[in-house]
C-alpha atoms as a PDB file:
ATOM      1  CA  MET A   1     133.522 103.529  64.293  1.00  0.00           C
ATOM      2  CA  PRO A   2     130.195 102.742  62.591  1.00  0.00           C
ATOM      3  CA  LYS A   3     126.876 103.523  64.147  1.00  0.00           C
ATOM      4  CA  MET A   4     125.317 100.816  66.294  1.00  0.00           C
ATOM      5  CA  LYS A   5     122.205  99.178  64.908  1.00  0.00           C
ATOM      6  CA  THR A   6     119.006  98.743  66.872  1.00  0.00           C
ATOM      7  CA  LYS A   7     117.648  95.192  66.938  1.00  0.00           C
ATOM      8  CA  ARG A   8     114.368  95.729  65.104  1.00  0.00           C
ATOM      9  CA  SER A   9     112.708  92.748  66.764  1.00  0.00           C
ATOM     10  CA  ALA A  10     113.423  94.271  70.178  1.00  0.00           C
ATOM     11  CA  ALA A  11     112.251  97.724  69.087  1.00  0.00           C
ATOM     12  CA  LYS A  12     108.857  96.230  68.237  1.00  0.00           C
ATOM     13  CA  ARG A  13     108.536  94.465  71.596  1.00  0.00           C
ATOM     14  CA  PHE A  14     109.915  96.916  74.168  1.00  0.00           C
ATOM     15  CA  ARG A  15     109.442 100.595  74.992  1.00  0.00           C
ATOM     16  CA  LEU A  16     111.290 102.846  77.405  1.00  0.00           C
ATOM     17  CA  SER A  17     109.452 104.871  80.004  1.00  0.00           C
ATOM     18  CA  ALA A  18     110.251 108.527  80.671  1.00  0.00           C
ATOM     19  CA  THR A  19     112.343 107.496  83.680  1.00  0.00           C
ATOM     20  CA  GLY A  20     114.301 104.964  81.614  1.00  0.00           C
ATOM     21  CA  LYS A  21     112.629 101.729  82.707  1.00  0.00           C
ATOM     22  CA  VAL A  22     111.941  99.078  80.067  1.00  0.00           C
ATOM     23  CA  LYS A  23     108.281  98.226  79.469  1.00  0.00           C
ATOM     24  CA  ARG A  24     106.778  95.239  77.687  1.00  0.00           C
ATOM     25  CA  SER A  25     103.317  93.966  76.882  1.00  0.00           C
ATOM     26  CA  ARG A  26     101.967  90.779  78.410  1.00  0.00           C
ATOM     27  CA  ALA A  27     101.625  87.417  76.711  1.00  0.00           C
ATOM     28  CA  PHE A  28      98.541  85.174  76.322  1.00  0.00           C
ATOM     29  CA  LYS A  29      96.226  87.731  74.687  1.00  0.00           C
ATOM     30  CA  ARG A  30      96.342  86.517  71.066  1.00  0.00           C
ATOM     31  CA  HIS A  31      93.957  83.569  70.761  1.00  0.00           C
ATOM     32  CA  ILE A  32      91.833  81.090  72.773  1.00  0.00           C
ATOM     33  CA  LEU A  33      90.272  84.073  74.512  1.00  0.00           C
ATOM     34  CA  THR A  34      86.873  82.488  75.155  1.00  0.00           C
ATOM     35  CA  SER A  35      88.258  80.377  77.997  1.00  0.00           C
ATOM     36  CA  LYS A  36      89.727  83.406  79.774  1.00  0.00           C
ATOM     37  CA  THR A  37      87.731  85.654  82.085  1.00  0.00           C
ATOM     38  CA  THR A  38      87.020  89.260  81.177  1.00  0.00           C
ATOM     39  CA  LYS A  39      89.030  90.441  84.167  1.00  0.00           C
ATOM     40  CA  ARG A  40      92.013  88.347  83.143  1.00  0.00           C
ATOM     41  CA  LYS A  41      91.908  89.658  79.567  1.00  0.00           C
ATOM     42  CA  ARG A  42      91.593  93.242  80.796  1.00  0.00           C
ATOM     43  CA  HIS A  43      94.662  92.872  83.007  1.00  0.00           C
ATOM     44  CA  LEU A  44      96.639  91.312  80.144  1.00  0.00           C
ATOM     45  CA  ASP A  45      96.141  94.572  78.205  1.00  0.00           C
ATOM     46  CA  MET A  46      98.271  96.514  80.684  1.00  0.00           C
ATOM     47  CA  GLU A  47     101.990  96.930  80.128  1.00  0.00           C
ATOM     48  CA  THR A  48     104.455  95.776  82.742  1.00  0.00           C
ATOM     49  CA  LEU A  49     108.177  96.181  83.378  1.00  0.00           C
ATOM     50  CA  VAL A  50     110.826  93.825  82.068  1.00  0.00           C
ATOM     51  CA  SER A  51     112.335  91.711  84.840  1.00  0.00           C
ATOM     52  CA  LYS A  52     115.503  93.032  86.442  1.00  0.00           C
ATOM     53  CA  ALA A  53     117.487  90.023  85.163  1.00  0.00           C
ATOM     54  CA  ASP A  54     116.660  90.850  81.525  1.00  0.00           C
ATOM     55  CA  VAL A  55     116.929  94.655  81.525  1.00  0.00           C
ATOM     56  CA  HIS A  56     120.637  94.677  80.640  1.00  0.00           C
ATOM     57  CA  ARG A  57     120.086  92.406  77.630  1.00  0.00           C
ATOM     58  CA  VAL A  58     117.198  94.507  76.318  1.00  0.00           C
ATOM     59  CA  ARG A  59     119.159  97.751  76.732  1.00  0.00           C
ATOM     60  CA  GLU A  60     122.015  96.359  74.624  1.00  0.00           C
ATOM     61  CA  MET A  61     119.540  95.669  71.817  1.00  0.00           C
ATOM     62  CA  LEU A  62     118.189  99.238  72.029  1.00  0.00           C
ATOM     63  CA  PRO A  63     121.347 101.384  72.032  1.00  0.00           C
ATOM     64  CA  TYR A  64     119.623 104.678  71.313  1.00  0.00           C
ATOM     65  CA  GLY A  65     116.983 104.583  74.029  1.00  0.00           C
ATOM     66  CA  ARG A  66     117.309 106.921  76.977  1.00  0.00           C
ATOM     67  CA  PRO A  67     119.743 105.732  79.697  1.00  0.00           C
END
């Protein structure tokens, strides 16, 4: 059986934590930043976890991440 391929688009968007949770960065930090408050922009810099409903789909795209 051939090796499974990682979806490169997913590999660029998601990371796995040491405990195996899937992390992602937040949206809305690319442009039109002048209308957003400093606090809002600072909080958008922090990573967050992928929603429980989507974790299974992301894990299938990243077959060689930790379980």
